[in-house]
Structure formats: C-alpha cells, structure tokens
Amino acid sequence: MAYAKYGAGKGYFKAYGDYFYIQDTKSDGHSAVIQWKAAGREGDDWDHNGANNGWTVANRNFPEGATVQYRACWGEWGTQYIQLSSCSQWVTTINDN
C-alpha cells in the first residue's frame, strides 16, 4: 500500500488480474493518482470521483514476473497535473499472479 502525503490518497497493486486500486481520502478539491512503471511502460491512474467514494480500479496487463513500481500522489484531474511533493515513496513488487 502506498499513501500520498497529507492524507490525500492511497493505492495498491493486485497482481492477480493486474489491477491498481486508488482512493481519494481527503475532501480538498484535488484528486488522488497512482503513478506506475512496469515492463518498459509507465502511466497514471486517477480517482477523480471525490473523496471517500470507494476504490477506483484500473486494469493493466503486465507480463508475468515483471517488476511493478507505483506510488500514490494527489493532483488536478482536469489538467493532469501531479503534485510531485505529495507523492509517497515508490513501492516495488513483482507481478507473480
């Protein structure tokens, strides 16, 4: 589990099915976002549905055995701006479902 600074959001990766789960946990007008890197790709998955509205789930497709890195941050969904100082440390795991 990764936790964005200031209590702004959290997220994790589930290897079985290659899912990222992200949740906005603070009513501050910002969105929670997971940044990820895996198998030579990288991307962002957003929870822009408001705070405390459950998990947003994003399905990816990574090769078995791939190293997956992710971190939780907050940002502005409309502009796709991510406040990098809000990001957690990178979490590293292996896609071993």
PDB file of N, CA and C in Angstrom:
ATOM      1  N   MET A   1       0.849  -1.173   0.000  1.00  0.00           N
ATOM      2  CA  MET A   1       0.000   0.000   0.000  1.00  0.00           C
ATOM      3  C   MET A   1       0.894   1.235   0.000  1.00  0.00           C
ATOM      4  N   ALA A   2       0.529   2.206  -0.804  1.00  0.00           N
ATOM      5  CA  ALA A   2       1.234   3.487  -0.842  1.00  0.00           C
ATOM      6  C   ALA A   2       0.270   4.571  -0.372  1.00  0.00           C
ATOM      7  N   TYR A   3       0.793   5.510   0.417  1.00  0.00           N
ATOM      8  CA  TYR A   3      -0.032   6.587   0.966  1.00  0.00           C
ATOM      9  C   TYR A   3       0.531   7.932   0.523  1.00  0.00           C
ATOM     10  N   ALA A   4      -0.275   8.727  -0.171  1.00  0.00           N
ATOM     11  CA  ALA A   4       0.145  10.075  -0.540  1.00  0.00           C
ATOM     12  C   ALA A   4       0.300  10.912   0.721  1.00  0.00           C
ATOM     13  N   LYS A   5       1.181  11.889   0.672  1.00  0.00           N
ATOM     14  CA  LYS A   5       1.382  12.770   1.814  1.00  0.00           C
ATOM     15  C   LYS A   5       0.126  13.604   2.063  1.00  0.00           C
ATOM     16  N   TYR A   6       0.020  14.112   3.262  1.00  0.00           N
ATOM     17  CA  TYR A   6      -1.084  14.993   3.678  1.00  0.00           C
ATOM     18  C   TYR A   6      -2.418  14.263   3.733  1.00  0.00           C
ATOM     19  N   GLY A   7      -2.410  12.927   3.761  1.00  0.00           N
ATOM     20  CA  GLY A   7      -3.646  12.167   3.845  1.00  0.00           C
ATOM     21  C   GLY A   7      -4.520  12.272   2.610  1.00  0.00           C
ATOM     22  N   ALA A   8      -3.913  12.562   1.457  1.00  0.00           N
ATOM     23  CA  ALA A   8      -4.674  12.870   0.253  1.00  0.00           C
ATOM     24  C   ALA A   8      -5.166  11.664  -0.529  1.00  0.00           C
ATOM     25  N   GLY A   9      -4.563  10.504  -0.329  1.00  0.00           N
ATOM     26  CA  GLY A   9      -4.982   9.342  -1.105  1.00  0.00           C
ATOM     27  C   GLY A   9      -4.112   8.139  -0.802  1.00  0.00           C
ATOM     28  N   LYS A  10      -4.536   7.010  -1.342  1.00  0.00           N
ATOM     29  CA  LYS A  10      -3.786   5.767  -1.141  1.00  0.00           C
ATOM     30  C   LYS A  10      -4.036   4.845  -2.314  1.00  0.00           C
ATOM     31  N   GLY A  11      -3.185   3.838  -2.445  1.00  0.00           N
ATOM     32  CA  GLY A  11      -3.375   2.896  -3.533  1.00  0.00           C
ATOM     33  C   GLY A  11      -2.493   1.675  -3.395  1.00  0.00           C
ATOM     34  N   TYR A  12      -2.849   0.657  -4.168  1.00  0.00           N
ATOM     35  CA  TYR A  12      -2.056  -0.570  -4.162  1.00  0.00           C
ATOM     36  C   TYR A  12      -2.235  -1.307  -5.486  1.00  0.00           C
ATOM     37  N   PHE A  13      -1.360  -2.301  -5.692  1.00  0.00           N
ATOM     38  CA  PHE A  13      -1.388  -3.143  -6.886  1.00  0.00           C
ATOM     39  C   PHE A  13      -1.751  -4.559  -6.491  1.00  0.00           C
ATOM     40  N   LYS A  14      -2.651  -5.163  -7.238  1.00  0.00           N
ATOM     41  CA  LYS A  14      -3.030  -6.560  -7.030  1.00  0.00           C
ATOM     42  C   LYS A  14      -2.581  -7.343  -8.262  1.00  0.00           C
ATOM     43  N   ALA A  15      -1.626  -8.241  -8.060  1.00  0.00           N
ATOM     44  CA  ALA A  15      -1.034  -8.964  -9.188  1.00  0.00           C
ATOM     45  C   ALA A  15      -2.050  -9.840  -9.922  1.00  0.00           C
ATOM     46  N   TYR A  16      -2.937 -10.495  -9.187  1.00  0.00           N
ATOM     47  CA  TYR A  16      -3.919 -11.354  -9.851  1.00  0.00           C
ATOM     48  C   TYR A  16      -4.895 -10.480 -10.628  1.00  0.00           C
ATOM     49  N   GLY A  17      -4.731 -10.446 -11.930  1.00  0.00           N
ATOM     50  CA  GLY A  17      -5.543  -9.612 -12.797  1.00  0.00           C
ATOM     51  C   GLY A  17      -4.891  -8.297 -13.176  1.00  0.00           C
ATOM     52  N   ASP A  18      -3.769  -7.984 -12.544  1.00  0.00           N
ATOM     53  CA  ASP A  18      -3.018  -6.757 -12.847  1.00  0.00           C
ATOM     54  C   ASP A  18      -3.856  -5.497 -12.614  1.00  0.00           C
ATOM     55  N   TYR A  19      -4.335  -5.329 -11.399  1.00  0.00           N
ATOM     56  CA  TYR A  19      -5.207  -4.200 -11.050  1.00  0.00           C
ATOM     57  C   TYR A  19      -4.499  -3.212 -10.127  1.00  0.00           C
ATOM     58  N   PHE A  20      -4.681  -1.929 -10.414  1.00  0.00           N
ATOM     59  CA  PHE A  20      -4.329  -0.864  -9.480  1.00  0.00           C
ATOM     60  C   PHE A  20      -5.612  -0.366  -8.829  1.00  0.00           C
ATOM     61  N   TYR A  21      -5.543  -0.162  -7.531  1.00  0.00           N
ATOM     62  CA  TYR A  21      -6.648   0.390  -6.757  1.00  0.00           C
ATOM     63  C   TYR A  21      -6.190   1.736  -6.211  1.00  0.00           C
ATOM     64  N   ILE A  22      -6.997   2.760  -6.401  1.00  0.00           N
ATOM     65  CA  ILE A  22      -6.661   4.104  -5.941  1.00  0.00           C
ATOM     66  C   ILE A  22      -7.874   4.719  -5.271  1.00  0.00           C
ATOM     67  N   GLN A  23      -7.628   5.426  -4.165  1.00  0.00           N
ATOM     68  CA  GLN A  23      -8.737   6.047  -3.440  1.00  0.00           C
ATOM     69  C   GLN A  23      -8.341   7.435  -2.953  1.00  0.00           C
ATOM     70  N   ASP A  24      -9.199   8.407  -3.255  1.00  0.00           N
ATOM     71  CA  ASP A  24      -9.073   9.772  -2.735  1.00  0.00           C
ATOM     72  C   ASP A  24      -9.602   9.755  -1.307  1.00  0.00           C
ATOM     73  N   THR A  25      -8.789  10.198  -0.351  1.00  0.00           N
ATOM     74  CA  THR A  25      -9.180  10.109   1.056  1.00  0.00           C
ATOM     75  C   THR A  25      -9.279  11.464   1.744  1.00  0.00           C
ATOM     76  N   LYS A  26      -9.240  12.548   0.974  1.00  0.00           N
ATOM     77  CA  LYS A  26      -9.309  13.870   1.590  1.00  0.00           C
ATOM     78  C   LYS A  26     -10.183  14.797   0.755  1.00  0.00           C
ATOM     79  N   SER A  27     -11.145  15.420   1.388  1.00  0.00           N
ATOM     80  CA  SER A  27     -12.045  16.369   0.713  1.00  0.00           C
ATOM     81  C   SER A  27     -11.339  17.720   0.597  1.00  0.00           C
ATOM     82  N   ASP A  28     -10.488  17.837  -0.413  1.00  0.00           N
ATOM     83  CA  ASP A  28      -9.691  19.049  -0.566  1.00  0.00           C
ATOM     84  C   ASP A  28      -9.764  19.642  -1.969  1.00  0.00           C
ATOM     85  N   GLY A  29     -10.615  19.086  -2.828  1.00  0.00           N
ATOM     86  CA  GLY A  29     -10.730  19.591  -4.191  1.00  0.00           C
ATOM     87  C   GLY A  29      -9.721  18.998  -5.157  1.00  0.00           C
ATOM     88  N   HIS A  30      -8.808  18.176  -4.673  1.00  0.00           N
ATOM     89  CA  HIS A  30      -7.814  17.520  -5.528  1.00  0.00           C
ATOM     90  C   HIS A  30      -8.222  16.072  -5.761  1.00  0.00           C
ATOM     91  N   SER A  31      -7.563  15.439  -6.699  1.00  0.00           N
ATOM     92  CA  SER A  31      -7.802  14.026  -6.994  1.00  0.00           C
ATOM     93  C   SER A  31      -6.605  13.200  -6.555  1.00  0.00           C
ATOM     94  N   ALA A  32      -6.835  11.930  -6.288  1.00  0.00           N
ATOM     95  CA  ALA A  32      -5.746  11.004  -5.988  1.00  0.00           C
ATOM     96  C   ALA A  32      -5.312  10.329  -7.289  1.00  0.00           C
ATOM     97  N   VAL A  33      -4.032   9.999  -7.348  1.00  0.00           N
ATOM     98  CA  VAL A  33      -3.489   9.384  -8.555  1.00  0.00           C
ATOM     99  C   VAL A  33      -2.407   8.378  -8.171  1.00  0.00           C
ATOM    100  N   ILE A  34      -2.368   7.286  -8.906  1.00  0.00           N
ATOM    101  CA  ILE A  34      -1.279   6.310  -8.810  1.00  0.00           C
ATOM    102  C   ILE A  34      -0.399   6.496 -10.043  1.00  0.00           C
ATOM    103  N   GLN A  35       0.884   6.706  -9.824  1.00  0.00           N
ATOM    104  CA  GLN A  35       1.850   6.679 -10.922  1.00  0.00           C
ATOM    105  C   GLN A  35       2.482   5.296 -10.904  1.00  0.00           C
ATOM    106  N   TRP A  36       2.668   4.703 -12.074  1.00  0.00           N
ATOM    107  CA  TRP A  36       3.238   3.360 -12.117  1.00  0.00           C
ATOM    108  C   TRP A  36       4.243   3.220 -13.255  1.00  0.00           C
ATOM    109  N   LYS A  37       5.135   2.230 -13.075  1.00  0.00           N
ATOM    110  CA  LYS A  37       6.129   1.839 -14.081  1.00  0.00           C
ATOM    111  C   LYS A  37       6.197   0.325 -14.076  1.00  0.00           C
ATOM    112  N   ALA A  38       6.158  -0.277 -15.243  1.00  0.00           N
ATOM    113  CA  ALA A  38       6.256  -1.737 -15.346  1.00  0.00           C
ATOM    114  C   ALA A  38       6.498  -2.140 -16.790  1.00  0.00           C
ATOM    115  N   ALA A  39       7.353  -3.117 -16.973  1.00  0.00           N
ATOM    116  CA  ALA A  39       7.579  -3.741 -18.282  1.00  0.00           C
ATOM    117  C   ALA A  39       7.859  -2.708 -19.389  1.00  0.00           C
ATOM    118  N   GLY A  40       8.669  -1.694 -19.056  1.00  0.00           N
ATOM    119  CA  GLY A  40       9.026  -0.682 -20.045  1.00  0.00           C
ATOM    120  C   GLY A  40       7.939   0.336 -20.328  1.00  0.00           C
ATOM    121  N   ARG A  41       6.886   0.316 -19.562  1.00  0.00           N
ATOM    122  CA  ARG A  41       5.779   1.265 -19.726  1.00  0.00           C
ATOM    123  C   ARG A  41       5.629   2.079 -18.446  1.00  0.00           C
ATOM    124  N   GLU A  42       4.904   3.174 -18.529  1.00  0.00           N
ATOM    125  CA  GLU A  42       4.564   3.943 -17.345  1.00  0.00           C
ATOM    126  C   GLU A  42       3.249   4.660 -17.582  1.00  0.00           C
ATOM    127  N   GLY A  43       2.577   4.999 -16.499  1.00  0.00           N
ATOM    128  CA  GLY A  43       1.292   5.668 -16.642  1.00  0.00           C
ATOM    129  C   GLY A  43       0.763   6.172 -15.312  1.00  0.00           C
ATOM    130  N   ASP A  44      -0.408   6.763 -15.383  1.00  0.00           N
ATOM    131  CA  ASP A  44      -1.094   7.322 -14.229  1.00  0.00           C
ATOM    132  C   ASP A  44      -2.530   6.830 -14.239  1.00  0.00           C
ATOM    133  N   ASP A  45      -3.040   6.463 -13.080  1.00  0.00           N
ATOM    134  CA  ASP A  45      -4.446   6.100 -12.934  1.00  0.00           C
ATOM    135  C   ASP A  45      -5.040   6.974 -11.842  1.00  0.00           C
ATOM    136  N   TRP A  46      -6.199   7.567 -12.118  1.00  0.00           N
ATOM    137  CA  TRP A  46      -6.784   8.613 -11.286  1.00  0.00           C
ATOM    138  C   TRP A  46      -8.075   8.168 -10.606  1.00  0.00           C
ATOM    139  N   ASP A  47      -8.278   8.693  -9.405  1.00  0.00           N
ATOM    140  CA  ASP A  47      -9.586   8.665  -8.743  1.00  0.00           C
ATOM    141  C   ASP A  47     -10.043  10.113  -8.670  1.00  0.00           C
ATOM    142  N   HIS A  48     -10.946  10.486  -9.561  1.00  0.00           N
ATOM    143  CA  HIS A  48     -11.420  11.876  -9.645  1.00  0.00           C
ATOM    144  C   HIS A  48     -12.905  11.973  -9.312  1.00  0.00           C
ATOM    145  N   ASN A  49     -13.407  11.013  -8.551  1.00  0.00           N
ATOM    146  CA  ASN A  49     -14.831  10.967  -8.214  1.00  0.00           C
ATOM    147  C   ASN A  49     -15.142  11.571  -6.851  1.00  0.00           C
ATOM    148  N   GLY A  50     -14.192  12.276  -6.259  1.00  0.00           N
ATOM    149  CA  GLY A  50     -14.421  12.870  -4.949  1.00  0.00           C
ATOM    150  C   GLY A  50     -13.915  11.965  -3.840  1.00  0.00           C
ATOM    151  N   ALA A  51     -13.760  12.559  -2.684  1.00  0.00           N
ATOM    152  CA  ALA A  51     -13.167  11.850  -1.548  1.00  0.00           C
ATOM    153  C   ALA A  51     -14.110  10.817  -0.956  1.00  0.00           C
ATOM    154  N   ASN A  52     -13.499   9.742  -0.474  1.00  0.00           N
ATOM    155  CA  ASN A  52     -14.198   8.712   0.295  1.00  0.00           C
ATOM    156  C   ASN A  52     -15.395   8.099  -0.438  1.00  0.00           C
ATOM    157  N   ASN A  53     -15.230   7.888  -1.735  1.00  0.00           N
ATOM    158  CA  ASN A  53     -16.273   7.263  -2.556  1.00  0.00           C
ATOM    159  C   ASN A  53     -15.896   5.858  -2.996  1.00  0.00           C
ATOM    160  N   GLY A  54     -15.084   5.193  -2.196  1.00  0.00           N
ATOM    161  CA  GLY A  54     -14.666   3.840  -2.540  1.00  0.00           C
ATOM    162  C   GLY A  54     -13.453   3.843  -3.451  1.00  0.00           C
ATOM    163  N   TRP A  55     -13.082   2.659  -3.874  1.00  0.00           N
ATOM    164  CA  TRP A  55     -11.894   2.467  -4.699  1.00  0.00           C
ATOM    165  C   TRP A  55     -12.204   2.649  -6.180  1.00  0.00           C
ATOM    166  N   THR A  56     -11.305   3.290  -6.886  1.00  0.00           N
ATOM    167  CA  THR A  56     -11.308   3.303  -8.348  1.00  0.00           C
ATOM    168  C   THR A  56     -10.334   2.209  -8.777  1.00  0.00           C
ATOM    169  N   VAL A  57     -10.722   1.385  -9.732  1.00  0.00           N
ATOM    170  CA  VAL A  57      -9.926   0.240 -10.154  1.00  0.00           C
ATOM    171  C   VAL A  57      -9.511   0.418 -11.606  1.00  0.00           C
ATOM    172  N   ALA A  58      -8.222   0.216 -11.863  1.00  0.00           N
ATOM    173  CA  ALA A  58      -7.687   0.301 -13.224  1.00  0.00           C
ATOM    174  C   ALA A  58      -7.025  -1.027 -13.567  1.00  0.00           C
ATOM    175  N   ASN A  59      -7.427  -1.610 -14.675  1.00  0.00           N
ATOM    176  CA  ASN A  59      -6.892  -2.896 -15.108  1.00  0.00           C
ATOM    177  C   ASN A  59      -5.765  -2.685 -16.105  1.00  0.00           C
ATOM    178  N   ARG A  60      -4.643  -3.307 -15.859  1.00  0.00           N
ATOM    179  CA  ARG A  60      -3.482  -3.269 -16.746  1.00  0.00           C
ATOM    180  C   ARG A  60      -3.138  -4.694 -17.144  1.00  0.00           C
ATOM    181  N   ASN A  61      -2.197  -4.833 -18.051  1.00  0.00           N
ATOM    182  CA  ASN A  61      -1.787  -6.156 -18.491  1.00  0.00           C
ATOM    183  C   ASN A  61      -0.265  -6.188 -18.561  1.00  0.00           C
ATOM    184  N   PHE A  62       0.355  -6.735 -17.517  1.00  0.00           N
ATOM    185  CA  PHE A  62       1.806  -6.823 -17.440  1.00  0.00           C
ATOM    186  C   PHE A  62       2.239  -8.283 -17.578  1.00  0.00           C
ATOM    187  N   PRO A  63       3.420  -8.510 -18.120  1.00  0.00           N
ATOM    188  CA  PRO A  63       3.924  -9.885 -18.224  1.00  0.00           C
ATOM    189  C   PRO A  63       4.168 -10.495 -16.843  1.00  0.00           C
ATOM    190  N   GLU A  64       4.001 -11.789 -16.756  1.00  0.00           N
ATOM    191  CA  GLU A  64       4.319 -12.492 -15.519  1.00  0.00           C
ATOM    192  C   GLU A  64       5.787 -12.273 -15.189  1.00  0.00           C
ATOM    193  N   GLY A  65       6.084 -12.026 -13.933  1.00  0.00           N
ATOM    194  CA  GLY A  65       7.453 -11.812 -13.494  1.00  0.00           C
ATOM    195  C   GLY A  65       7.961 -10.390 -13.646  1.00  0.00           C
ATOM    196  N   ALA A  66       7.140  -9.508 -14.214  1.00  0.00           N
ATOM    197  CA  ALA A  66       7.563  -8.119 -14.394  1.00  0.00           C
ATOM    198  C   ALA A  66       7.662  -7.407 -13.046  1.00  0.00           C
ATOM    199  N   THR A  67       8.654  -6.534 -12.928  1.00  0.00           N
ATOM    200  CA  THR A  67       8.757  -5.660 -11.760  1.00  0.00           C
ATOM    201  C   THR A  67       7.770  -4.515 -11.941  1.00  0.00           C
ATOM    202  N   VAL A  68       6.971  -4.270 -10.916  1.00  0.00           N
ATOM    203  CA  VAL A  68       5.969  -3.205 -10.932  1.00  0.00           C
ATOM    204  C   VAL A  68       6.315  -2.214  -9.831  1.00  0.00           C
ATOM    205  N   GLN A  69       6.422  -0.944 -10.195  1.00  0.00           N
ATOM    206  CA  GLN A  69       6.650   0.117  -9.226  1.00  0.00           C
ATOM    207  C   GLN A  69       5.460   1.067  -9.272  1.00  0.00           C
ATOM    208  N   TYR A  70       5.047   1.558  -8.107  1.00  0.00           N
ATOM    209  CA  TYR A  70       3.951   2.518  -8.064  1.00  0.00           C
ATOM    210  C   TYR A  70       4.084   3.422  -6.853  1.00  0.00           C
ATOM    211  N   ARG A  71       3.427   4.573  -6.923  1.00  0.00           N
ATOM    212  CA  ARG A  71       3.358   5.495  -5.795  1.00  0.00           C
ATOM    213  C   ARG A  71       2.051   6.268  -5.861  1.00  0.00           C
ATOM    214  N   ALA A  72       1.600   6.715  -4.702  1.00  0.00           N
ATOM    215  CA  ALA A  72       0.351   7.487  -4.603  1.00  0.00           C
ATOM    216  C   ALA A  72       0.678   8.968  -4.456  1.00  0.00           C
ATOM    217  N   CYS A  73      -0.128   9.799  -5.129  1.00  0.00           N
ATOM    218  CA  CYS A  73       0.067  11.246  -5.110  1.00  0.00           C
ATOM    219  C   CYS A  73      -1.304  11.922  -5.156  1.00  0.00           C
ATOM    220  N   TRP A  74      -1.300  13.248  -5.079  1.00  0.00           N
ATOM    221  CA  TRP A  74      -2.520  13.987  -5.405  1.00  0.00           C
ATOM    222  C   TRP A  74      -2.221  14.907  -6.572  1.00  0.00           C
ATOM    223  N   GLY A  75      -3.278  15.274  -7.274  1.00  0.00           N
ATOM    224  CA  GLY A  75      -3.102  16.131  -8.438  1.00  0.00           C
ATOM    225  C   GLY A  75      -4.411  16.740  -8.888  1.00  0.00           C
ATOM    226  N   GLU A  76      -4.354  17.356 -10.056  1.00  0.00           N
ATOM    227  CA  GLU A  76      -5.515  18.024 -10.660  1.00  0.00           C
ATOM    228  C   GLU A  76      -5.946  17.228 -11.892  1.00  0.00           C
ATOM    229  N   TRP A  77      -7.072  16.552 -11.783  1.00  0.00           N
ATOM    230  CA  TRP A  77      -7.568  15.701 -12.857  1.00  0.00           C
ATOM    231  C   TRP A  77      -7.734  16.467 -14.159  1.00  0.00           C
ATOM    232  N   GLY A  78      -8.305  17.655 -14.110  1.00  0.00           N
ATOM    233  CA  GLY A  78      -8.603  18.413 -15.330  1.00  0.00           C
ATOM    234  C   GLY A  78      -7.382  18.722 -16.176  1.00  0.00           C
ATOM    235  N   THR A  79      -6.280  19.045 -15.528  1.00  0.00           N
ATOM    236  CA  THR A  79      -5.048  19.386 -16.247  1.00  0.00           C
ATOM    237  C   THR A  79      -4.032  18.250 -16.248  1.00  0.00           C
ATOM    238  N   GLN A  80      -4.319  17.184 -15.498  1.00  0.00           N
ATOM    239  CA  GLN A  80      -3.409  16.043 -15.337  1.00  0.00           C
ATOM    240  C   GLN A  80      -2.117  16.441 -14.621  1.00  0.00           C
ATOM    241  N   TYR A  81      -2.174  17.541 -13.868  1.00  0.00           N
ATOM    242  CA  TYR A  81      -1.012  17.985 -13.079  1.00  0.00           C
ATOM    243  C   TYR A  81      -0.899  17.127 -11.823  1.00  0.00           C
ATOM    244  N   ILE A  82       0.304  16.622 -11.559  1.00  0.00           N
ATOM    245  CA  ILE A  82       0.564  15.837 -10.358  1.00  0.00           C
ATOM    246  C   ILE A  82       1.526  16.616  -9.464  1.00  0.00           C
ATOM    247  N   GLN A  83       1.125  16.820  -8.220  1.00  0.00           N
ATOM    248  CA  GLN A  83       1.966  17.500  -7.246  1.00  0.00           C
ATOM    249  C   GLN A  83       3.010  16.501  -6.733  1.00  0.00           C
ATOM    250  N   LEU A  84       4.197  16.541  -7.327  1.00  0.00           N
ATOM    251  CA  LEU A  84       5.208  15.528  -7.043  1.00  0.00           C
ATOM    252  C   LEU A  84       5.644  15.534  -5.579  1.00  0.00           C
ATOM    253  N   SER A  85       5.583  16.671  -4.901  1.00  0.00           N
ATOM    254  CA  SER A  85       5.974  16.697  -3.488  1.00  0.00           C
ATOM    255  C   SER A  85       4.978  15.954  -2.598  1.00  0.00           C
ATOM    256  N   SER A  86       3.807  15.624  -3.140  1.00  0.00           N
ATOM    257  CA  SER A  86       2.794  14.891  -2.368  1.00  0.00           C
ATOM    258  C   SER A  86       2.953  13.383  -2.481  1.00  0.00           C
ATOM    259  N   CYS A  87       3.815  12.932  -3.359  1.00  0.00           N
ATOM    260  CA  CYS A  87       3.902  11.501  -3.663  1.00  0.00           C
ATOM    261  C   CYS A  87       4.560  10.708  -2.542  1.00  0.00           C
ATOM    262  N   SER A  88       4.076   9.498  -2.378  1.00  0.00           N
ATOM    263  CA  SER A  88       4.714   8.552  -1.467  1.00  0.00           C
ATOM    264  C   SER A  88       6.033   8.090  -2.076  1.00  0.00           C
ATOM    265  N   GLN A  89       6.761   7.303  -1.320  1.00  0.00           N
ATOM    266  CA  GLN A  89       7.928   6.621  -1.877  1.00  0.00           C
ATOM    267  C   GLN A  89       7.427   5.572  -2.882  1.00  0.00           C
ATOM    268  N   TRP A  90       8.276   5.191  -3.811  1.00  0.00           N
ATOM    269  CA  TRP A  90       7.921   4.133  -4.747  1.00  0.00           C
ATOM    270  C   TRP A  90       7.828   2.811  -4.006  1.00  0.00           C
ATOM    271  N   VAL A  91       6.811   2.046  -4.328  1.00  0.00           N
ATOM    272  CA  VAL A  91       6.646   0.682  -3.831  1.00  0.00           C
ATOM    273  C   VAL A  91       6.997  -0.252  -4.984  1.00  0.00           C
ATOM    274  N   THR A  92       7.816  -1.259  -4.734  1.00  0.00           N
ATOM    275  CA  THR A  92       8.232  -2.198  -5.766  1.00  0.00           C
ATOM    276  C   THR A  92       7.722  -3.587  -5.432  1.00  0.00           C
ATOM    277  N   THR A  93       7.145  -4.232  -6.430  1.00  0.00           N
ATOM    278  CA  THR A  93       6.632  -5.593  -6.261  1.00  0.00           C
ATOM    279  C   THR A  93       6.851  -6.352  -7.576  1.00  0.00           C
ATOM    280  N   ILE A  94       6.565  -7.618  -7.555  1.00  0.00           N
ATOM    281  CA  ILE A  94       6.691  -8.468  -8.749  1.00  0.00           C
ATOM    282  C   ILE A  94       5.302  -8.938  -9.152  1.00  0.00           C
ATOM    283  N   ASN A  95       5.026  -8.877 -10.444  1.00  0.00           N
ATOM    284  CA  ASN A  95       3.751  -9.380 -10.956  1.00  0.00           C
ATOM    285  C   ASN A  95       3.840 -10.911 -11.033  1.00  0.00           C
ATOM    286  N   ASP A  96       3.377 -11.566  -9.981  1.00  0.00           N
ATOM    287  CA  ASP A  96       3.550 -13.020  -9.872  1.00  0.00           C
ATOM    288  C   ASP A  96       2.238 -13.739  -9.623  1.00  0.00           C
ATOM    289  N   ASN A  97       1.177 -13.297 -10.269  1.00  0.00           N
ATOM    290  CA  ASN A  97      -0.109 -13.921 -10.002  1.00  0.00           C
ATOM    291  C   ASN A  97      -0.105 -15.347 -10.462  1.00  0.00           C
TER     292      ASN A  97
END
